[in-house]
Amino acid sequence: MDRVELSALVEATGLAERRGAFVFLSDPNASAAARTQVEAVRATVPGDSGERGWLCMATGGSSGAVRFARHDENTLMAAVRGFCAHFGLERVNAVDVLPAFHVSGLMARVRCAATGGRHWPWSWKELQAGTRPELPRGDWVISLVPSQLQQLLAQPDAVEWLRRFRLIMIGGGPTWPHLAEAAAAARLPVGLSYGLTETAAMVAALRPEEFLAGERSCGKPLPHVRITIGDEGAVWIAGESNFRGYFPDGQEEMAVRTEDLGRLDERGNLHVLGRRDAVIITGGKKVHPVEVERALMASGEFRDVAVIGVPDNEWGEAVVAFYPAAAGVKPDLANATRELAGHQRPKRFLPLADWPRTPKAKSTAPRCAPPPSRPSLHCNLLGYSVSGFTWEGRANL
């Protein structure tokens, strides 16, 4: 796929905005504050001509600050080649329920177009309601976030439909153990994955046969990248799909140091442990929110949960869990925390009546900014993506 073809594909999404040599993709339904940030970035004078890195994709993650990662036909095609080689696909046919302004939604379109496959956009709400496309013959793939997979597993007809896929890519957040086991019990061809907007989506993934054999990591690196673990456990990614820096700067990023903590096991599989900037220090002990979230979700007491640390006079930081409120339903907290060590157990469980979600059906957790006078009792709730892997991207599929 050359520049002209990619430019036409991006324009066809109806979400592209051209500013000189640069094309921007961002969420048209973002908050007013986010739109103000986007406009401010777009108005910045770039430091180069845009020959490399002309396609600018919005990314924010848990920092809340909107930035645009610069890509072009070369970075995206490197990602396509790596994806196809990793999964042994010559042609990619995709049912796509993700928005094009997310790198995972855009890459579904790019993979199909670049390989001569079919891209079949579909409304998540229709899929959720039981209206599903009848798949023609051939190998088909679909990308879902964990909460979407959980909802479809509750529908026997949806499970039967999902079995027809060659690959069900799961990313966008941590997959809790009982969800993974339910998918395996249903014999679904799942591929747990890891990637970022900055890497043109997926850079590590399990193959379905590995998942069905019991592996629960993010799998091995795709052929076009090299993943290493650096200082303090940070995940580093080097490869041809890495972005050309953030707009307006044009710095080449041969290796990206992510905000994620991880490890590589003896087989070369990547295990993502959580965010470097999300580690909670409580009573002198480290707590990774993603580990607590997985345990709470595995208990079956919550349909969604988000764990954060808030300043606390006694503990330094207190572990706090938020969950969607449901009328007349109270979780069994003893059951919910039975697999957690004492220092991992949330000091408070707070129900939220309004549980927001992003267009990818990912929950947005509360971020707390407690006033100094009563740090353990007050918090201002601000939305931010709960990502386990880049997750906003952090696991862009």
Protein backbone atom coordinates (compact mmCIF):
# COMPACT_ATOMS: atom_id res chain seq x y z
CA MET A 1 0.00 0.00 0.00
CA ASP A 2 1.48 3.33 -1.05
CA ARG A 3 0.84 6.81 0.34
CA VAL A 4 -1.93 7.65 -2.09
CA GLU A 5 -3.82 4.45 -1.25
CA LEU A 6 -3.42 4.90 2.50
CA SER A 7 -4.46 8.54 2.29
CA ALA A 8 -7.61 7.53 0.40
CA LEU A 9 -8.40 4.85 2.99
CA VAL A 10 -8.01 7.34 5.85
CA GLU A 11 -10.15 9.95 4.08
CA ALA A 12 -12.85 7.33 3.51
CA THR A 13 -13.33 6.95 7.28
CA GLY A 14 -14.97 10.39 7.29
CA LEU A 15 -12.95 11.25 10.40
CA ALA A 16 -9.81 12.68 8.83
CA GLU A 17 -8.87 16.33 8.98
CA ARG A 18 -6.09 17.58 6.76
CA ARG A 19 -3.81 20.41 7.87
CA GLY A 20 -1.28 21.07 5.15
CA ALA A 21 0.78 17.93 4.59
CA PHE A 22 -0.57 16.28 7.74
CA VAL A 23 -3.74 14.24 8.26
CA PHE A 24 -5.23 13.92 11.75
CA LEU A 25 -7.51 11.23 13.18
CA SER A 26 -9.26 11.85 16.50
CA ASP A 27 -12.52 11.11 18.30
CA PRO A 28 -15.26 13.41 17.00
CA ASN A 29 -17.29 12.77 20.17
CA ALA A 30 -14.52 13.60 22.62
CA SER A 31 -15.18 15.88 25.58
CA ALA A 32 -15.02 19.63 25.13
CA ALA A 33 -11.75 19.72 27.05
CA ALA A 34 -10.21 17.04 24.84
CA ARG A 35 -11.39 18.80 21.67
CA THR A 36 -9.74 22.00 22.90
CA GLN A 37 -6.49 20.09 23.39
CA VAL A 38 -6.77 18.53 19.94
CA GLU A 39 -7.31 21.88 18.26
CA ALA A 40 -4.37 23.40 20.12
CA VAL A 41 -2.06 20.61 18.94
CA ARG A 42 -3.31 20.79 15.35
CA ALA A 43 -2.68 24.53 15.28
CA THR A 44 0.99 24.06 16.17
CA VAL A 45 3.45 24.73 13.36
CA PRO A 46 5.31 21.48 12.56
CA GLY A 47 9.08 21.41 12.45
CA ASP A 48 9.30 19.48 9.20
CA SER A 49 7.52 18.96 5.87
CA GLY A 50 5.64 15.80 6.88
CA GLU A 51 7.37 13.62 4.31
CA ARG A 52 7.76 11.01 7.04
CA GLY A 53 5.05 10.68 9.66
CA TRP A 54 2.23 12.55 7.92
CA LEU A 55 -0.59 10.51 9.49
CA CYS A 56 -1.28 11.69 13.04
CA MET A 57 -3.29 9.42 15.34
CA ALA A 58 -4.58 10.63 18.68
CA THR A 59 -3.35 8.90 21.79
CA GLY A 60 -3.73 9.81 25.42
CA GLY A 61 -3.59 6.83 27.77
CA SER A 62 -3.80 7.46 31.46
CA SER A 63 -1.95 10.78 31.31
CA GLY A 64 -5.07 12.53 30.04
CA ALA A 65 -3.04 14.74 27.68
CA VAL A 66 -3.94 14.31 24.01
CA ARG A 67 -0.98 13.73 21.71
CA PHE A 68 -0.73 12.68 18.09
CA ALA A 69 1.58 9.81 17.17
CA ARG A 70 3.01 10.27 13.67
CA HIS A 71 2.87 7.36 11.25
CA ASP A 72 2.98 6.80 7.50
CA GLU A 73 2.57 4.05 4.92
CA ASN A 74 5.94 2.51 5.86
CA THR A 75 5.27 2.10 9.58
CA LEU A 76 1.75 0.77 9.00
CA MET A 77 2.82 -1.68 6.30
CA ALA A 78 5.59 -3.02 8.53
CA ALA A 79 2.89 -3.74 11.11
CA VAL A 80 0.72 -5.48 8.49
CA ARG A 81 3.59 -7.70 7.34
CA GLY A 82 4.42 -8.66 10.91
CA PHE A 83 0.77 -9.45 11.69
CA CYS A 84 0.31 -11.66 8.64
CA ALA A 85 3.57 -13.53 9.19
CA HIS A 86 2.82 -14.13 12.87
CA PHE A 87 -0.62 -15.61 12.23
CA GLY A 88 0.13 -17.22 8.86
CA LEU A 89 -2.44 -15.14 6.96
CA GLU A 90 -2.08 -14.16 3.31
CA ARG A 91 -5.39 -12.31 3.22
CA VAL A 92 -7.08 -10.59 6.15
CA ASN A 93 -10.89 -10.52 6.29
CA ALA A 94 -12.17 -8.62 9.31
CA VAL A 95 -15.47 -7.91 11.02
CA ASP A 96 -14.74 -4.56 12.64
CA VAL A 97 -16.64 -3.12 15.61
CA LEU A 98 -13.95 -0.58 16.59
CA PRO A 99 -13.91 3.11 15.58
CA ALA A 100 -11.44 4.22 12.91
CA PHE A 101 -9.96 6.98 15.05
CA HIS A 102 -8.42 4.28 17.29
CA VAL A 103 -5.32 2.64 15.90
CA SER A 104 -6.91 -0.80 16.32
CA GLY A 105 -9.90 0.19 14.20
CA LEU A 106 -7.72 1.86 11.57
CA MET A 107 -5.36 -1.12 11.37
CA ALA A 108 -8.28 -3.49 10.75
CA ARG A 109 -9.02 -1.44 7.63
CA VAL A 110 -5.37 -1.23 6.60
CA ARG A 111 -4.74 -4.98 6.99
CA CYS A 112 -7.74 -5.83 4.83
CA ALA A 113 -6.94 -3.30 2.12
CA ALA A 114 -3.25 -4.15 1.97
CA THR A 115 -3.88 -7.90 1.61
CA GLY A 116 -6.88 -7.76 -0.70
CA GLY A 117 -9.23 -8.93 2.03
CA ARG A 118 -12.71 -7.80 3.00
CA HIS A 119 -13.34 -5.21 5.69
CA TRP A 120 -16.82 -5.56 7.17
CA PRO A 121 -17.68 -2.70 9.56
CA TRP A 122 -20.37 -3.58 12.08
CA SER A 123 -22.08 -1.77 14.92
CA TRP A 124 -21.13 -3.06 18.35
CA LYS A 125 -24.61 -2.24 19.60
CA GLU A 126 -26.13 -4.43 16.88
CA LEU A 127 -23.70 -7.22 17.64
CA GLN A 128 -24.50 -6.94 21.33
CA ALA A 129 -28.23 -7.03 20.55
CA GLY A 130 -27.89 -10.26 18.58
CA THR A 131 -27.68 -8.97 15.00
CA ARG A 132 -24.54 -10.50 13.51
CA PRO A 133 -23.17 -10.70 9.97
CA GLU A 134 -23.30 -14.10 8.29
CA LEU A 135 -19.68 -14.87 7.57
CA PRO A 136 -18.81 -16.02 4.05
CA ARG A 137 -16.24 -18.75 3.49
CA GLY A 138 -12.65 -17.92 4.33
CA ASP A 139 -10.53 -16.95 7.31
CA TRP A 140 -12.06 -14.12 9.36
CA VAL A 141 -10.72 -12.12 12.28
CA ILE A 142 -12.33 -9.79 14.82
CA SER A 143 -10.93 -7.50 17.52
CA LEU A 144 -12.68 -7.18 20.88
CA VAL A 145 -11.90 -5.73 24.29
CA PRO A 146 -12.38 -8.02 27.33
CA SER A 147 -15.72 -6.54 28.38
CA GLN A 148 -17.11 -7.14 24.88
CA LEU A 149 -15.96 -10.75 24.94
CA GLN A 150 -17.57 -11.21 28.35
CA GLN A 151 -20.92 -9.93 27.07
CA LEU A 152 -20.85 -12.15 24.00
CA LEU A 153 -19.94 -15.24 26.06
CA ALA A 154 -23.27 -14.83 27.85
CA GLN A 155 -25.11 -15.40 24.55
CA PRO A 156 -25.00 -19.01 23.24
CA ASP A 157 -25.74 -17.88 19.67
CA ALA A 158 -22.90 -15.36 19.85
CA VAL A 159 -20.49 -18.02 21.11
CA GLU A 160 -21.39 -20.27 18.19
CA TRP A 161 -20.83 -17.33 15.81
CA LEU A 162 -17.44 -16.51 17.36
CA ARG A 163 -16.26 -20.10 16.83
CA ARG A 164 -16.38 -19.48 13.08
CA PHE A 165 -13.50 -17.00 13.25
CA ARG A 166 -9.89 -17.90 12.56
CA LEU A 167 -8.78 -15.37 15.18
CA ILE A 168 -10.43 -13.33 17.95
CA MET A 169 -7.96 -10.66 19.03
CA ILE A 170 -8.39 -9.49 22.63
CA GLY A 171 -6.76 -6.35 23.94
CA GLY A 172 -7.49 -2.90 25.31
CA GLY A 173 -7.27 -4.00 28.95
CA PRO A 174 -6.38 -6.93 31.19
CA THR A 175 -8.18 -10.20 30.57
CA TRP A 176 -9.13 -11.55 33.99
CA PRO A 177 -8.53 -15.27 34.58
CA HIS A 178 -12.13 -16.50 34.71
CA LEU A 179 -12.89 -14.72 31.43
CA ALA A 180 -9.92 -16.37 29.73
CA GLU A 181 -10.95 -19.75 31.10
CA ALA A 182 -14.54 -19.25 29.95
CA ALA A 183 -13.34 -18.41 26.44
CA ALA A 184 -11.09 -21.47 26.42
CA ALA A 185 -13.89 -23.70 27.69
CA ALA A 186 -16.03 -22.41 24.82
CA ARG A 187 -13.17 -23.34 22.43
CA LEU A 188 -12.90 -19.82 21.06
CA PRO A 189 -9.82 -19.05 18.90
CA VAL A 190 -8.60 -16.21 21.11
CA GLY A 191 -5.33 -14.34 20.69
CA LEU A 192 -4.42 -12.20 23.72
CA SER A 193 -2.38 -9.26 22.47
CA TYR A 194 -0.32 -6.20 23.33
CA GLY A 195 0.38 -3.04 21.37
CA LEU A 196 0.34 0.74 21.31
CA THR A 197 -0.75 3.57 19.05
CA GLU A 198 2.96 4.41 18.85
CA THR A 199 3.76 0.97 17.37
CA ALA A 200 0.90 0.84 14.85
CA ALA A 201 -1.01 -1.54 17.13
CA MET A 202 -0.11 -5.14 17.88
CA VAL A 203 3.50 -6.05 18.65
CA ALA A 204 2.99 -9.26 20.67
CA ALA A 205 0.22 -11.83 20.53
CA LEU A 206 -0.75 -15.36 21.43
CA ARG A 207 -1.79 -17.61 18.60
CA PRO A 208 -5.17 -19.32 19.16
CA GLU A 209 -3.64 -22.78 19.43
CA GLU A 210 -1.36 -21.52 22.22
CA PHE A 211 -4.29 -19.98 24.05
CA LEU A 212 -6.35 -23.17 23.79
CA ALA A 213 -3.35 -25.14 25.08
CA GLY A 214 -3.42 -23.08 28.29
CA GLU A 215 -1.01 -20.19 27.69
CA ARG A 216 -2.26 -16.89 29.15
CA SER A 217 0.51 -14.39 28.37
CA CYS A 218 0.49 -11.76 25.61
CA GLY A 219 2.47 -14.17 23.47
CA LYS A 220 5.69 -13.74 21.52
CA PRO A 221 6.80 -10.58 19.73
CA LEU A 222 5.67 -10.28 16.12
CA PRO A 223 8.45 -10.74 13.52
CA HIS A 224 8.86 -7.02 12.79
CA VAL A 225 9.68 -5.99 16.38
CA ARG A 226 12.08 -6.73 19.20
CA ILE A 227 10.82 -6.48 22.79
CA THR A 228 13.15 -6.17 25.75
CA ILE A 229 12.68 -5.46 29.45
CA GLY A 230 14.69 -2.48 30.68
CA ASP A 231 15.37 -0.74 33.93
CA GLU A 232 12.79 -1.26 36.66
CA GLY A 233 10.89 -3.71 34.45
CA ALA A 234 9.84 -1.27 31.71
CA VAL A 235 8.82 -2.76 28.36
CA TRP A 236 10.91 -1.50 25.41
CA ILE A 237 9.88 -1.98 21.77
CA ALA A 238 12.10 -1.59 18.71
CA GLY A 239 10.92 -2.13 15.16
CA GLU A 240 9.95 -0.73 11.78
CA SER A 241 6.38 0.01 12.86
CA ASN A 242 7.48 2.49 15.53
CA PHE A 243 6.08 5.97 15.12
CA ARG A 244 8.00 9.04 13.89
CA GLY A 245 7.56 10.97 17.11
CA TYR A 246 4.68 13.10 18.36
CA PHE A 247 3.30 15.97 16.33
CA PRO A 248 4.63 18.61 15.79
CA ASP A 249 8.09 17.15 16.43
CA GLY A 250 9.52 14.68 13.95
CA GLN A 251 11.90 12.67 16.09
CA GLU A 252 12.46 9.10 14.92
CA GLU A 253 11.78 6.53 17.64
CA MET A 254 13.96 3.50 16.94
CA ALA A 255 13.08 2.12 20.38
CA VAL A 256 10.05 3.05 22.46
CA ARG A 257 10.14 2.88 26.23
CA THR A 258 6.57 2.21 27.24
CA GLU A 259 4.84 3.11 30.50
CA ASP A 260 4.14 -0.58 31.03
CA LEU A 261 5.86 -3.06 33.31
CA GLY A 262 6.48 -6.54 32.00
CA ARG A 263 8.62 -9.63 31.86
CA LEU A 264 9.66 -12.16 29.25
CA ASP A 265 9.45 -15.79 30.30
CA GLU A 266 11.80 -18.59 29.31
CA ARG A 267 9.81 -19.22 26.12
CA GLY A 268 10.00 -15.57 25.06
CA ASN A 269 6.37 -14.77 25.89
CA LEU A 270 5.55 -11.28 27.11
CA HIS A 271 3.69 -10.85 30.39
CA VAL A 272 2.36 -7.33 31.02
CA LEU A 273 2.19 -6.57 34.74
CA GLY A 274 0.65 -3.10 34.69
CA ARG A 275 1.57 0.55 34.33
CA ARG A 276 4.81 1.96 35.72
CA ASP A 277 2.98 5.13 36.70
CA ALA A 278 0.12 3.22 38.34
CA VAL A 279 2.06 1.29 40.96
CA ILE A 280 0.60 1.92 44.42
CA ILE A 281 2.95 2.11 47.40
CA THR A 282 0.88 1.26 50.47
CA GLY A 283 2.50 0.72 53.84
CA GLY A 284 5.85 0.43 52.06
CA LYS A 285 4.66 -2.41 49.81
CA LYS A 286 4.07 -2.24 46.05
CA VAL A 287 0.65 -3.06 44.63
CA HIS A 288 -0.01 -3.35 40.90
CA PRO A 289 -3.62 -2.27 40.26
CA VAL A 290 -4.01 -4.65 37.32
CA GLU A 291 -3.29 -7.66 39.56
CA VAL A 292 -5.95 -6.53 42.03
CA GLU A 293 -8.45 -5.87 39.24
CA ARG A 294 -7.90 -9.33 37.79
CA ALA A 295 -8.49 -10.99 41.17
CA LEU A 296 -11.62 -8.96 41.85
CA MET A 297 -13.05 -9.73 38.41
CA ALA A 298 -12.19 -13.41 38.81
CA SER A 299 -14.34 -13.54 41.95
CA GLY A 300 -17.47 -13.00 39.86
CA GLU A 301 -18.69 -10.27 42.24
CA PHE A 302 -18.26 -7.40 39.77
CA ARG A 303 -19.16 -6.77 36.14
CA ASP A 304 -16.39 -4.17 35.94
CA VAL A 305 -13.87 -2.70 38.38
CA ALA A 306 -11.10 -0.12 38.52
CA VAL A 307 -8.41 0.05 41.20
CA ILE A 308 -6.32 3.10 42.04
CA GLY A 309 -4.23 4.49 44.87
CA VAL A 310 -5.24 7.63 46.75
CA PRO A 311 -3.10 9.60 49.23
CA ASP A 312 -3.60 8.40 52.80
CA ASN A 313 -2.13 9.74 56.04
CA GLU A 314 -1.69 6.29 57.55
CA TRP A 315 -0.63 4.16 54.56
CA GLY A 316 0.95 6.72 52.26
CA GLU A 317 -1.45 5.48 49.60
CA ALA A 318 -4.63 3.50 50.10
CA VAL A 319 -5.88 0.94 47.60
CA VAL A 320 -9.41 1.88 46.48
CA ALA A 321 -11.69 -0.08 44.15
CA PHE A 322 -14.52 1.49 42.14
CA TYR A 323 -17.28 -0.53 40.51
CA PRO A 324 -20.57 0.10 38.68
CA ALA A 325 -23.47 0.46 41.11
CA ALA A 326 -26.48 -1.83 40.64
CA ALA A 327 -29.76 -1.29 42.49
CA GLY A 328 -30.20 -3.78 45.31
CA VAL A 329 -26.96 -5.63 44.55
CA LYS A 330 -24.03 -5.65 46.96
CA PRO A 331 -20.84 -7.58 46.20
CA ASP A 332 -19.60 -10.15 48.71
CA LEU A 333 -16.34 -8.44 49.63
CA ALA A 334 -14.98 -11.40 51.58
CA ASN A 335 -15.35 -13.57 48.50
CA ALA A 336 -14.06 -10.83 46.21
CA THR A 337 -10.78 -10.44 48.12
CA ARG A 338 -10.07 -14.00 49.19
CA GLU A 339 -7.27 -14.46 46.61
CA LEU A 340 -5.53 -11.19 47.50
CA ALA A 341 -2.71 -10.66 49.97
CA GLY A 342 -3.47 -8.34 52.87
CA HIS A 343 -1.64 -5.33 51.42
CA GLN A 344 -3.42 -5.83 48.06
CA ARG A 345 -6.93 -5.71 49.48
CA PRO A 346 -8.72 -2.41 48.83
CA LYS A 347 -9.30 -0.28 51.89
CA ARG A 348 -12.55 0.95 50.32
CA PHE A 349 -15.02 -0.23 47.69
CA LEU A 350 -16.95 2.64 46.13
CA PRO A 351 -19.94 2.11 43.80
CA LEU A 352 -20.44 4.60 40.97
CA ALA A 353 -23.92 5.16 39.56
CA ASP A 354 -22.54 6.63 36.33
CA TRP A 355 -19.95 4.24 34.90
CA PRO A 356 -18.64 5.79 31.67
CA ARG A 357 -17.25 3.86 28.75
CA THR A 358 -15.10 4.77 25.78
CA PRO A 359 -16.21 4.06 22.18
CA LYS A 360 -14.22 0.82 22.39
CA ALA A 361 -16.41 -0.32 25.32
CA LYS A 362 -13.50 0.07 27.70
CA SER A 363 -14.34 1.31 31.16
CA THR A 364 -12.99 4.66 32.22
CA ALA A 365 -11.93 4.57 35.82
CA PRO A 366 -12.09 7.36 38.33
CA ARG A 367 -8.90 9.28 38.99
CA CYS A 368 -8.77 10.77 42.43
CA ALA A 369 -7.35 14.13 43.39
CA PRO A 370 -8.05 14.33 47.12
CA PRO A 371 -7.68 17.63 48.96
CA PRO A 372 -4.79 17.63 51.46
CA SER A 373 -7.00 18.07 54.52
CA ARG A 374 -8.80 14.70 54.26
CA PRO A 375 -6.82 12.77 51.65
CA SER A 376 -8.35 9.41 52.43
CA LEU A 377 -11.97 10.49 52.30
CA HIS A 378 -12.38 12.85 49.36
CA CYS A 379 -11.81 12.48 45.66
CA ASN A 380 -12.72 14.30 42.49
CA LEU A 381 -13.70 11.84 39.80
CA LEU A 382 -12.09 12.44 36.44
CA GLY A 383 -12.28 9.97 33.57
CA TYR A 384 -9.21 8.21 32.28
CA SER A 385 -8.76 5.00 30.34
CA VAL A 386 -8.11 1.89 32.35
CA SER A 387 -5.54 0.24 30.21
CA GLY A 388 -3.44 -2.64 30.93
CA PHE A 389 -1.54 -2.44 27.96
CA THR A 390 -1.70 0.55 26.00
CA TRP A 391 -3.80 -0.26 26.75
CA GLU A 392 -5.26 3.03 25.19
CA GLY A 393 -3.63 2.00 23.21
CA ARG A 394 -2.30 -0.13 25.56
CA ALA A 395 -3.32 -2.99 23.57
CA ASN A 396 -4.38 -1.75 20.52
CA LEU A 397 -5.09 -4.79 18.49
